[in-house]
């Protein structure tokens, strides 16, 4: 299954924010109900509900990946065992970690 769990690592422990799925229509992000009940920081406005679908990778998640136009992108892909740029798979393999926050992505089994 093409699904990633979005986790926020905090001083109090890890909390599941939601789930990102690759679907035929593109991508689906769904907040975890417990996260919405207990947290104010959200990626998308809740006015539409807890599920969001987009044809392309959501900008918040895409920004966690190396730009596919980088001159050294092929080397980066090879270092993660990829032959071509696949934003979902690259997010899974890099875990989407960046220096400025404590979110990460875990592949669901």
PDB file of N, CA and C in Angstrom:
ATOM      1  N   UNK A   1       0.840  -1.180   0.000  1.00  0.00           N
ATOM      2  CA  UNK A   1       0.000   0.000   0.000  1.00  0.00           C
ATOM      3  C   UNK A   1       0.884   1.243   0.000  1.00  0.00           C
ATOM      4  N   UNK A   2       0.486   2.226  -0.753  1.00  0.00           N
ATOM      5  CA  UNK A   2       1.215   3.486  -0.806  1.00  0.00           C
ATOM      6  C   UNK A   2       0.661   4.447   0.232  1.00  0.00           C
ATOM      7  N   UNK A   3       1.140   4.277   1.460  1.00  0.00           N
ATOM      8  CA  UNK A   3       0.651   5.115   2.555  1.00  0.00           C
ATOM      9  C   UNK A   3       1.792   5.455   3.501  1.00  0.00           C
ATOM     10  N   UNK A   4       1.843   6.719   3.885  1.00  0.00           N
ATOM     11  CA  UNK A   4       2.829   7.196   4.846  1.00  0.00           C
ATOM     12  C   UNK A   4       2.112   7.784   6.050  1.00  0.00           C
ATOM     13  N   UNK A   5       2.652   7.497   7.213  1.00  0.00           N
ATOM     14  CA  UNK A   5       2.138   8.101   8.441  1.00  0.00           C
ATOM     15  C   UNK A   5       2.977   9.337   8.714  1.00  0.00           C
ATOM     16  N   UNK A   6       2.329  10.466   8.945  1.00  0.00           N
ATOM     17  CA  UNK A   6       3.013  11.721   9.254  1.00  0.00           C
ATOM     18  C   UNK A   6       3.083  11.835  10.769  1.00  0.00           C
ATOM     19  N   UNK A   7       4.307  11.943  11.286  1.00  0.00           N
ATOM     20  CA  UNK A   7       4.545  11.943  12.728  1.00  0.00           C
ATOM     21  C   UNK A   7       5.212  13.251  13.140  1.00  0.00           C
ATOM     22  N   UNK A   8       4.793  13.787  14.282  1.00  0.00           N
ATOM     23  CA  UNK A   8       5.443  14.961  14.856  1.00  0.00           C
ATOM     24  C   UNK A   8       6.187  14.499  16.103  1.00  0.00           C
ATOM     25  N   UNK A   9       7.505  14.640  16.080  1.00  0.00           N
ATOM     26  CA  UNK A   9       8.340  14.286  17.228  1.00  0.00           C
ATOM     27  C   UNK A   9       8.424  15.501  18.143  1.00  0.00           C
ATOM     28  N   UNK A  10       7.893  15.347  19.346  1.00  0.00           N
ATOM     29  CA  UNK A  10       7.870  16.449  20.306  1.00  0.00           C
ATOM     30  C   UNK A  10       8.596  16.035  21.577  1.00  0.00           C
ATOM     31  N   UNK A  11       8.849  16.996  22.437  1.00  0.00           N
ATOM     32  CA  UNK A  11       9.506  16.688  23.710  1.00  0.00           C
ATOM     33  C   UNK A  11       8.680  15.715  24.530  1.00  0.00           C
ATOM     34  N   UNK A  12       7.356  15.812  24.421  1.00  0.00           N
ATOM     35  CA  UNK A  12       6.459  14.927  25.165  1.00  0.00           C
ATOM     36  C   UNK A  12       6.309  13.559  24.506  1.00  0.00           C
ATOM     37  N   UNK A  13       6.879  13.384  23.324  1.00  0.00           N
ATOM     38  CA  UNK A  13       6.775  12.114  22.613  1.00  0.00           C
ATOM     39  C   UNK A  13       6.269  12.305  21.192  1.00  0.00           C
ATOM     40  N   UNK A  14       6.137  11.191  20.513  1.00  0.00           N
ATOM     41  CA  UNK A  14       5.702  11.206  19.113  1.00  0.00           C
ATOM     42  C   UNK A  14       4.175  11.181  19.030  1.00  0.00           C
ATOM     43  N   UNK A  15       3.661  11.930  18.067  1.00  0.00           N
ATOM     44  CA  UNK A  15       2.216  11.928  17.859  1.00  0.00           C
ATOM     45  C   UNK A  15       1.934  11.803  16.359  1.00  0.00           C
ATOM     46  N   UNK A  16       0.956  10.989  16.016  1.00  0.00           N
ATOM     47  CA  UNK A  16       0.558  10.838  14.619  1.00  0.00           C
ATOM     48  C   UNK A  16      -0.295  12.037  14.217  1.00  0.00           C
ATOM     49  N   UNK A  17       0.147  12.732  13.165  1.00  0.00           N
ATOM     50  CA  UNK A  17      -0.587  13.884  12.646  1.00  0.00           C
ATOM     51  C   UNK A  17      -1.667  13.411  11.679  1.00  0.00           C
ATOM     52  N   UNK A  18      -1.292  12.478  10.809  1.00  0.00           N
ATOM     53  CA  UNK A  18      -2.234  11.991   9.811  1.00  0.00           C
ATOM     54  C   UNK A  18      -1.569  11.013   8.873  1.00  0.00           C
ATOM     55  N   UNK A  19      -2.232  10.791   7.742  1.00  0.00           N
ATOM     56  CA  UNK A  19      -1.784   9.777   6.785  1.00  0.00           C
ATOM     57  C   UNK A  19      -1.820  10.354   5.378  1.00  0.00           C
ATOM     58  N   UNK A  20      -0.740  10.137   4.642  1.00  0.00           N
ATOM     59  CA  UNK A  20      -0.638  10.563   3.252  1.00  0.00           C
ATOM     60  C   UNK A  20      -0.686   9.314   2.392  1.00  0.00           C
ATOM     61  N   UNK A  21      -1.591   9.305   1.418  1.00  0.00           N
ATOM     62  CA  UNK A  21      -1.754   8.134   0.554  1.00  0.00           C
ATOM     63  C   UNK A  21      -1.624   8.539  -0.901  1.00  0.00           C
ATOM     64  N   UNK A  22      -1.011   7.656  -1.684  1.00  0.00           N
ATOM     65  CA  UNK A  22      -0.970   7.831  -3.130  1.00  0.00           C
ATOM     66  C   UNK A  22      -2.159   7.061  -3.681  1.00  0.00           C
ATOM     67  N   UNK A  23      -3.045   7.765  -4.375  1.00  0.00           N
ATOM     68  CA  UNK A  23      -4.270   7.163  -4.892  1.00  0.00           C
ATOM     69  C   UNK A  23      -4.357   7.423  -6.402  1.00  0.00           C
ATOM     70  N   UNK A  24      -5.247   6.728  -7.115  1.00  0.00           N
ATOM     71  CA  UNK A  24      -5.360   6.943  -8.565  1.00  0.00           C
ATOM     72  C   UNK A  24      -5.609   8.408  -8.954  1.00  0.00           C
ATOM     73  N   UNK A  25      -6.316   9.152  -8.120  1.00  0.00           N
ATOM     74  CA  UNK A  25      -6.611  10.560  -8.407  1.00  0.00           C
ATOM     75  C   UNK A  25      -5.445  11.488  -8.075  1.00  0.00           C
ATOM     76  N   UNK A  26      -4.418  10.988  -7.424  1.00  0.00           N
ATOM     77  CA  UNK A  26      -3.270  11.796  -7.015  1.00  0.00           C
ATOM     78  C   UNK A  26      -2.852  11.456  -5.607  1.00  0.00           C
ATOM     79  N   UNK A  27      -3.122  12.364  -4.666  1.00  0.00           N
ATOM     80  CA  UNK A  27      -2.706  12.187  -3.278  1.00  0.00           C
ATOM     81  C   UNK A  27      -3.855  12.529  -2.340  1.00  0.00           C
ATOM     82  N   UNK A  28      -3.923  11.805  -1.245  1.00  0.00           N
ATOM     83  CA  UNK A  28      -4.934  12.055  -0.220  1.00  0.00           C
ATOM     84  C   UNK A  28      -4.227  12.204   1.118  1.00  0.00           C
ATOM     85  N   UNK A  29      -4.544  13.270   1.829  1.00  0.00           N
ATOM     86  CA  UNK A  29      -4.051  13.436   3.192  1.00  0.00           C
ATOM     87  C   UNK A  29      -5.254  13.437   4.112  1.00  0.00           C
ATOM     88  N   UNK A  30      -5.150  12.672   5.196  1.00  0.00           N
ATOM     89  CA  UNK A  30      -6.225  12.605   6.181  1.00  0.00           C
ATOM     90  C   UNK A  30      -5.637  12.792   7.571  1.00  0.00           C
ATOM     91  N   UNK A  31      -6.174  13.771   8.296  1.00  0.00           N
ATOM     92  CA  UNK A  31      -5.735  13.988   9.671  1.00  0.00           C
ATOM     93  C   UNK A  31      -6.153  12.834  10.562  1.00  0.00           C
ATOM     94  N   UNK A  32      -5.326  12.535  11.543  1.00  0.00           N
ATOM     95  CA  UNK A  32      -5.675  11.597  12.596  1.00  0.00           C
ATOM     96  C   UNK A  32      -6.651  12.307  13.540  1.00  0.00           C
ATOM     97  N   UNK A  33      -7.729  11.639  13.880  1.00  0.00           N
ATOM     98  CA  UNK A  33      -8.764  12.247  14.734  1.00  0.00           C
ATOM     99  C   UNK A  33      -8.202  12.723  16.075  1.00  0.00           C
ATOM    100  N   UNK A  34      -7.346  11.933  16.698  1.00  0.00           N
ATOM    101  CA  UNK A  34      -6.763  12.321  17.990  1.00  0.00           C
ATOM    102  C   UNK A  34      -5.914  13.579  17.865  1.00  0.00           C
ATOM    103  N   UNK A  35      -5.216  13.706  16.749  1.00  0.00           N
ATOM    104  CA  UNK A  35      -4.397  14.892  16.533  1.00  0.00           C
ATOM    105  C   UNK A  35      -5.279  16.142  16.460  1.00  0.00           C
ATOM    106  N   UNK A  36      -6.366  16.054  15.707  1.00  0.00           N
ATOM    107  CA  UNK A  36      -7.250  17.215  15.566  1.00  0.00           C
ATOM    108  C   UNK A  36      -7.881  17.626  16.887  1.00  0.00           C
ATOM    109  N   UNK A  37      -8.174  16.673  17.725  1.00  0.00           N
ATOM    110  CA  UNK A  37      -8.802  16.971  19.015  1.00  0.00           C
ATOM    111  C   UNK A  37      -7.845  17.670  19.972  1.00  0.00           C
ATOM    112  N   UNK A  38      -6.558  17.351  19.864  1.00  0.00           N
ATOM    113  CA  UNK A  38      -5.597  17.795  20.874  1.00  0.00           C
ATOM    114  C   UNK A  38      -4.554  18.804  20.402  1.00  0.00           C
ATOM    115  N   UNK A  39      -4.609  19.238  19.141  1.00  0.00           N
ATOM    116  CA  UNK A  39      -3.569  20.119  18.611  1.00  0.00           C
ATOM    117  C   UNK A  39      -4.172  21.245  17.789  1.00  0.00           C
ATOM    118  N   UNK A  40      -3.496  22.383  17.810  1.00  0.00           N
ATOM    119  CA  UNK A  40      -3.961  23.537  17.044  1.00  0.00           C
ATOM    120  C   UNK A  40      -3.204  23.697  15.732  1.00  0.00           C
ATOM    121  N   UNK A  41      -2.001  23.156  15.644  1.00  0.00           N
ATOM    122  CA  UNK A  41      -1.190  23.337  14.448  1.00  0.00           C
ATOM    123  C   UNK A  41      -1.637  22.355  13.376  1.00  0.00           C
ATOM    124  N   UNK A  42      -2.159  22.898  12.269  1.00  0.00           N
ATOM    125  CA  UNK A  42      -2.615  22.042  11.177  1.00  0.00           C
ATOM    126  C   UNK A  42      -2.012  22.515   9.862  1.00  0.00           C
ATOM    127  N   UNK A  43      -1.950  21.614   8.881  1.00  0.00           N
ATOM    128  CA  UNK A  43      -1.386  21.934   7.565  1.00  0.00           C
ATOM    129  C   UNK A  43      -2.434  22.545   6.640  1.00  0.00           C
ATOM    130  N   UNK A  44      -3.673  22.059   6.751  1.00  0.00           N
ATOM    131  CA  UNK A  44      -4.750  22.471   5.853  1.00  0.00           C
ATOM    132  C   UNK A  44      -5.941  22.937   6.680  1.00  0.00           C
ATOM    133  N   UNK A  45      -6.691  23.901   6.180  1.00  0.00           N
ATOM    134  CA  UNK A  45      -7.878  24.390   6.889  1.00  0.00           C
ATOM    135  C   UNK A  45      -8.870  23.253   7.092  1.00  0.00           C
ATOM    136  N   UNK A  46      -9.441  23.195   8.283  1.00  0.00           N
ATOM    137  CA  UNK A  46     -10.372  22.111   8.611  1.00  0.00           C
ATOM    138  C   UNK A  46     -11.773  22.343   8.053  1.00  0.00           C
ATOM    139  N   UNK A  47     -12.019  23.475   7.438  1.00  0.00           N
ATOM    140  CA  UNK A  47     -13.371  23.777   6.977  1.00  0.00           C
ATOM    141  C   UNK A  47     -13.884  22.756   5.959  1.00  0.00           C
ATOM    142  N   UNK A  48     -12.987  22.089   5.275  1.00  0.00           N
ATOM    143  CA  UNK A  48     -13.370  21.090   4.278  1.00  0.00           C
ATOM    144  C   UNK A  48     -13.493  19.699   4.883  1.00  0.00           C
ATOM    145  N   UNK A  49     -13.214  19.568   6.139  1.00  0.00           N
ATOM    146  CA  UNK A  49     -13.236  18.253   6.762  1.00  0.00           C
ATOM    147  C   UNK A  49     -11.835  17.776   7.069  1.00  0.00           C
ATOM    148  N   UNK A  50     -11.686  16.474   7.248  1.00  0.00           N
ATOM    149  CA  UNK A  50     -10.399  15.901   7.642  1.00  0.00           C
ATOM    150  C   UNK A  50      -9.606  15.327   6.480  1.00  0.00           C
ATOM    151  N   UNK A  51     -10.228  15.205   5.295  1.00  0.00           N
ATOM    152  CA  UNK A  51      -9.565  14.597   4.140  1.00  0.00           C
ATOM    153  C   UNK A  51      -9.356  15.631   3.046  1.00  0.00           C
ATOM    154  N   UNK A  52      -8.187  15.551   2.413  1.00  0.00           N
ATOM    155  CA  UNK A  52      -7.837  16.481   1.348  1.00  0.00           C
ATOM    156  C   UNK A  52      -7.241  15.695   0.192  1.00  0.00           C
ATOM    157  N   UNK A  53      -7.715  15.957  -1.025  1.00  0.00           N
ATOM    158  CA  UNK A  53      -7.216  15.274  -2.219  1.00  0.00           C
ATOM    159  C   UNK A  53      -6.634  16.322  -3.153  1.00  0.00           C
ATOM    160  N   UNK A  54      -5.485  15.987  -3.753  1.00  0.00           N
ATOM    161  CA  UNK A  54      -4.838  16.869  -4.711  1.00  0.00           C
ATOM    162  C   UNK A  54      -4.234  16.017  -5.816  1.00  0.00           C
ATOM    163  N   UNK A  55      -4.251  16.533  -7.051  1.00  0.00           N
ATOM    164  CA  UNK A  55      -3.668  15.789  -8.177  1.00  0.00           C
ATOM    165  C   UNK A  55      -2.155  15.681  -8.035  1.00  0.00           C
ATOM    166  N   UNK A  56      -1.538  16.723  -7.485  1.00  0.00           N
ATOM    167  CA  UNK A  56      -0.086  16.747  -7.292  1.00  0.00           C
ATOM    168  C   UNK A  56       0.221  16.635  -5.806  1.00  0.00           C
ATOM    169  N   UNK A  57       1.470  16.331  -5.510  1.00  0.00           N
ATOM    170  CA  UNK A  57       1.904  16.268  -4.115  1.00  0.00           C
ATOM    171  C   UNK A  57       1.630  17.614  -3.450  1.00  0.00           C
ATOM    172  N   UNK A  58       1.086  17.589  -2.249  1.00  0.00           N
ATOM    173  CA  UNK A  58       0.791  18.808  -1.502  1.00  0.00           C
ATOM    174  C   UNK A  58       2.078  19.612  -1.293  1.00  0.00           C
ATOM    175  N   UNK A  59       1.982  20.927  -1.445  1.00  0.00           N
ATOM    176  CA  UNK A  59       3.159  21.798  -1.372  1.00  0.00           C
ATOM    177  C   UNK A  59       3.928  21.641  -0.063  1.00  0.00           C
ATOM    178  N   UNK A  60       3.223  21.509   1.064  1.00  0.00           N
ATOM    179  CA  UNK A  60       3.911  21.358   2.347  1.00  0.00           C
ATOM    180  C   UNK A  60       4.812  20.126   2.347  1.00  0.00           C
ATOM    181  N   UNK A  61       4.365  19.048   1.727  1.00  0.00           N
ATOM    182  CA  UNK A  61       5.146  17.811   1.688  1.00  0.00           C
ATOM    183  C   UNK A  61       6.215  17.880   0.598  1.00  0.00           C
ATOM    184  N   UNK A  62       5.879  18.452  -0.550  1.00  0.00           N
ATOM    185  CA  UNK A  62       6.823  18.572  -1.665  1.00  0.00           C
ATOM    186  C   UNK A  62       8.028  19.421  -1.257  1.00  0.00           C
ATOM    187  N   UNK A  63       7.801  20.419  -0.410  1.00  0.00           N
ATOM    188  CA  UNK A  63       8.899  21.304   0.008  1.00  0.00           C
ATOM    189  C   UNK A  63       9.940  20.570   0.847  1.00  0.00           C
ATOM    190  N   UNK A  64       9.649  19.370   1.274  1.00  0.00           N
ATOM    191  CA  UNK A  64      10.561  18.579   2.094  1.00  0.00           C
ATOM    192  C   UNK A  64      11.489  17.723   1.225  1.00  0.00           C
ATOM    193  N   UNK A  65      11.352  17.839  -0.079  1.00  0.00           N
ATOM    194  CA  UNK A  65      12.119  17.010  -1.014  1.00  0.00           C
ATOM    195  C   UNK A  65      13.110  17.848  -1.805  1.00  0.00           C
ATOM    196  N   UNK A  66      14.192  17.207  -2.279  1.00  0.00           N
ATOM    197  CA  UNK A  66      15.099  17.936  -3.164  1.00  0.00           C
ATOM    198  C   UNK A  66      14.383  18.262  -4.477  1.00  0.00           C
ATOM    199  N   UNK A  67      14.666  19.425  -5.023  1.00  0.00           N
ATOM    200  CA  UNK A  67      14.053  19.854  -6.282  1.00  0.00           C
ATOM    201  C   UNK A  67      14.475  18.911  -7.402  1.00  0.00           C
ATOM    202  N   UNK A  68      13.511  18.471  -8.183  1.00  0.00           N
ATOM    203  CA  UNK A  68      13.830  17.521  -9.250  1.00  0.00           C
ATOM    204  C   UNK A  68      14.620  18.158 -10.388  1.00  0.00           C
ATOM    205  N   UNK A  69      14.800  19.485 -10.378  1.00  0.00           N
ATOM    206  CA  UNK A  69      15.583  20.167 -11.406  1.00  0.00           C
ATOM    207  C   UNK A  69      17.030  20.404 -10.976  1.00  0.00           C
ATOM    208  N   UNK A  70      17.386  19.947  -9.791  1.00  0.00           N
ATOM    209  CA  UNK A  70      18.774  20.093  -9.329  1.00  0.00           C
ATOM    210  C   UNK A  70      19.711  19.368 -10.288  1.00  0.00           C
ATOM    211  N   UNK A  71      20.886  19.936 -10.538  1.00  0.00           N
ATOM    212  CA  UNK A  71      21.826  19.271 -11.442  1.00  0.00           C
ATOM    213  C   UNK A  71      22.296  17.908 -10.916  1.00  0.00           C
ATOM    214  N   UNK A  72      22.306  17.731  -9.609  1.00  0.00           N
ATOM    215  CA  UNK A  72      22.784  16.473  -9.023  1.00  0.00           C
ATOM    216  C   UNK A  72      21.640  15.544  -8.599  1.00  0.00           C
ATOM    217  N   UNK A  73      20.441  15.755  -9.143  1.00  0.00           N
ATOM    218  CA  UNK A  73      19.290  14.976  -8.682  1.00  0.00           C
ATOM    219  C   UNK A  73      19.467  13.485  -8.945  1.00  0.00           C
ATOM    220  N   UNK A  74      20.112  13.114 -10.043  1.00  0.00           N
ATOM    221  CA  UNK A  74      20.287  11.692 -10.336  1.00  0.00           C
ATOM    222  C   UNK A  74      21.144  11.017  -9.263  1.00  0.00           C
ATOM    223  N   UNK A  75      22.179  11.697  -8.801  1.00  0.00           N
ATOM    224  CA  UNK A  75      23.017  11.159  -7.724  1.00  0.00           C
ATOM    225  C   UNK A  75      22.211  11.005  -6.435  1.00  0.00           C
ATOM    226  N   UNK A  76      21.384  11.979  -6.147  1.00  0.00           N
ATOM    227  CA  UNK A  76      20.542  11.919  -4.947  1.00  0.00           C
ATOM    228  C   UNK A  76      19.587  10.741  -5.035  1.00  0.00           C
ATOM    229  N   UNK A  77      18.938  10.593  -6.180  1.00  0.00           N
ATOM    230  CA  UNK A  77      18.006   9.476  -6.366  1.00  0.00           C
ATOM    231  C   UNK A  77      18.716   8.141  -6.205  1.00  0.00           C
ATOM    232  N   UNK A  78      19.877   8.008  -6.817  1.00  0.00           N
ATOM    233  CA  UNK A  78      20.644   6.763  -6.714  1.00  0.00           C
ATOM    234  C   UNK A  78      21.025   6.465  -5.270  1.00  0.00           C
ATOM    235  N   UNK A  79      21.333   7.506  -4.497  1.00  0.00           N
ATOM    236  CA  UNK A  79      21.710   7.282  -3.097  1.00  0.00           C
ATOM    237  C   UNK A  79      20.546   6.720  -2.280  1.00  0.00           C
ATOM    238  N   UNK A  80      19.326   6.917  -2.762  1.00  0.00           N
ATOM    239  CA  UNK A  80      18.140   6.362  -2.102  1.00  0.00           C
ATOM    240  C   UNK A  80      17.585   5.147  -2.837  1.00  0.00           C
ATOM    241  N   UNK A  81      18.350   4.645  -3.812  1.00  0.00           N
ATOM    242  CA  UNK A  81      17.933   3.444  -4.525  1.00  0.00           C
ATOM    243  C   UNK A  81      16.819   3.666  -5.532  1.00  0.00           C
ATOM    244  N   UNK A  82      16.691   4.879  -6.027  1.00  0.00           N
ATOM    245  CA  UNK A  82      15.656   5.196  -7.017  1.00  0.00           C
ATOM    246  C   UNK A  82      16.282   5.452  -8.379  1.00  0.00           C
ATOM    247  N   UNK A  83      15.603   5.024  -9.426  1.00  0.00           N
ATOM    248  CA  UNK A  83      16.085   5.252 -10.788  1.00  0.00           C
ATOM    249  C   UNK A  83      15.488   6.513 -11.389  1.00  0.00           C
ATOM    250  N   UNK A  84      14.285   6.861 -10.939  1.00  0.00           N
ATOM    251  CA  UNK A  84      13.634   8.069 -11.435  1.00  0.00           C
ATOM    252  C   UNK A  84      12.954   8.797 -10.285  1.00  0.00           C
ATOM    253  N   UNK A  85      12.635  10.065 -10.527  1.00  0.00           N
ATOM    254  CA  UNK A  85      12.033  10.905  -9.494  1.00  0.00           C
ATOM    255  C   UNK A  85      10.594  10.480  -9.255  1.00  0.00           C
ATOM    256  N   UNK A  86      10.315  10.072  -8.040  1.00  0.00           N
ATOM    257  CA  UNK A  86       8.965   9.709  -7.600  1.00  0.00           C
ATOM    258  C   UNK A  86       8.796  10.383  -6.248  1.00  0.00           C
ATOM    259  N   UNK A  87       8.045  11.486  -6.220  1.00  0.00           N
ATOM    260  CA  UNK A  87       7.983  12.279  -4.993  1.00  0.00           C
ATOM    261  C   UNK A  87       7.481  11.491  -3.792  1.00  0.00           C
ATOM    262  N   UNK A  88       6.525  10.599  -3.988  1.00  0.00           N
ATOM    263  CA  UNK A  88       6.002   9.818  -2.868  1.00  0.00           C
ATOM    264  C   UNK A  88       7.064   8.856  -2.334  1.00  0.00           C
ATOM    265  N   UNK A  89       7.726   8.142  -3.239  1.00  0.00           N
ATOM    266  CA  UNK A  89       8.743   7.178  -2.813  1.00  0.00           C
ATOM    267  C   UNK A  89       9.951   7.890  -2.207  1.00  0.00           C
ATOM    268  N   UNK A  90      10.315   9.035  -2.751  1.00  0.00           N
ATOM    269  CA  UNK A  90      11.432   9.805  -2.199  1.00  0.00           C
ATOM    270  C   UNK A  90      11.083  10.323  -0.801  1.00  0.00           C
ATOM    271  N   UNK A  91       9.846  10.734  -0.612  1.00  0.00           N
ATOM    272  CA  UNK A  91       9.391  11.164   0.713  1.00  0.00           C
ATOM    273  C   UNK A  91       9.469  10.006   1.702  1.00  0.00           C
ATOM    274  N   UNK A  92       9.096   8.820   1.247  1.00  0.00           N
ATOM    275  CA  UNK A  92       9.158   7.632   2.111  1.00  0.00           C
ATOM    276  C   UNK A  92      10.598   7.290   2.477  1.00  0.00           C
ATOM    277  N   UNK A  93      11.487   7.373   1.516  1.00  0.00           N
ATOM    278  CA  UNK A  93      12.879   6.968   1.773  1.00  0.00           C
ATOM    279  C   UNK A  93      13.673   8.003   2.559  1.00  0.00           C
ATOM    280  N   UNK A  94      13.386   9.278   2.351  1.00  0.00           N
ATOM    281  CA  UNK A  94      14.091  10.323   3.108  1.00  0.00           C
ATOM    282  C   UNK A  94      13.415  10.592   4.445  1.00  0.00           C
ATOM    283  N   UNK A  95      12.209  10.083   4.590  1.00  0.00           N
ATOM    284  CA  UNK A  95      11.340  10.332   5.750  1.00  0.00           C
ATOM    285  C   UNK A  95      10.946  11.800   5.859  1.00  0.00           C
ATOM    286  N   UNK A  96      11.227  12.565   4.791  1.00  0.00           N
ATOM    287  CA  UNK A  96      10.813  13.963   4.749  1.00  0.00           C
ATOM    288  C   UNK A  96      11.433  14.835   5.821  1.00  0.00           C
ATOM    289  N   UNK A  97      12.528  14.389   6.385  1.00  0.00           N
ATOM    290  CA  UNK A  97      13.152  15.154   7.474  1.00  0.00           C
ATOM    291  C   UNK A  97      13.847  16.399   6.939  1.00  0.00           C
ATOM    292  N   UNK A  98      13.632  17.506   7.643  1.00  0.00           N
ATOM    293  CA  UNK A  98      14.346  18.743   7.354  1.00  0.00           C
ATOM    294  C   UNK A  98      14.833  19.329   8.674  1.00  0.00           C
ATOM    295  N   UNK A  99      15.744  20.271   8.597  1.00  0.00           N
ATOM    296  CA  UNK A  99      16.380  20.813   9.799  1.00  0.00           C
ATOM    297  C   UNK A  99      15.479  21.754  10.602  1.00  0.00           C
ATOM    298  N   UNK A 100      14.435  22.283   9.992  1.00  0.00           N
ATOM    299  CA  UNK A 100      13.665  23.343  10.638  1.00  0.00           C
ATOM    300  C   UNK A 100      12.439  22.886  11.424  1.00  0.00           C
ATOM    301  N   UNK A 101      12.124  21.588  11.408  1.00  0.00           N
ATOM    302  CA  UNK A 101      11.007  21.107  12.220  1.00  0.00           C
ATOM    303  C   UNK A 101      11.203  19.642  12.595  1.00  0.00           C
ATOM    304  N   UNK A 102      10.256  19.090  13.304  1.00  0.00           N
ATOM    305  CA  UNK A 102      10.384  17.723  13.815  1.00  0.00           C
ATOM    306  C   UNK A 102       9.349  16.766  13.243  1.00  0.00           C
ATOM    307  N   UNK A 103       8.934  17.004  12.006  1.00  0.00           N
ATOM    308  CA  UNK A 103       8.000  16.086  11.353  1.00  0.00           C
ATOM    309  C   UNK A 103       8.783  15.050  10.565  1.00  0.00           C
ATOM    310  N   UNK A 104       8.214  13.866  10.463  1.00  0.00           N
ATOM    311  CA  UNK A 104       8.803  12.847   9.600  1.00  0.00           C
ATOM    312  C   UNK A 104       7.708  11.925   9.091  1.00  0.00           C
ATOM    313  N   UNK A 105       8.058  11.157   8.078  1.00  0.00           N
ATOM    314  CA  UNK A 105       7.109  10.288   7.397  1.00  0.00           C
ATOM    315  C   UNK A 105       7.568   8.846   7.516  1.00  0.00           C
ATOM    316  N   UNK A 106       6.643   7.971   7.858  1.00  0.00           N
ATOM    317  CA  UNK A 106       6.964   6.551   8.014  1.00  0.00           C
ATOM    318  C   UNK A 106       6.093   5.737   7.074  1.00  0.00           C
ATOM    319  N   UNK A 107       6.716   4.828   6.350  1.00  0.00           N
ATOM    320  CA  UNK A 107       5.965   3.962   5.441  1.00  0.00           C
ATOM    321  C   UNK A 107       5.110   3.002   6.255  1.00  0.00           C
ATOM    322  N   UNK A 108       3.849   2.871   5.867  1.00  0.00           N
ATOM    323  CA  UNK A 108       2.934   1.951   6.534  1.00  0.00           C
ATOM    324  C   UNK A 108       3.157   0.553   5.974  1.00  0.00           C
ATOM    325  N   UNK A 109       2.978  -0.439   6.825  1.00  0.00           N
ATOM    326  CA  UNK A 109       3.186  -1.827   6.389  1.00  0.00           C
ATOM    327  C   UNK A 109       1.885  -2.475   6.033  1.00  0.00           C
TER     328      UNK A 109
END
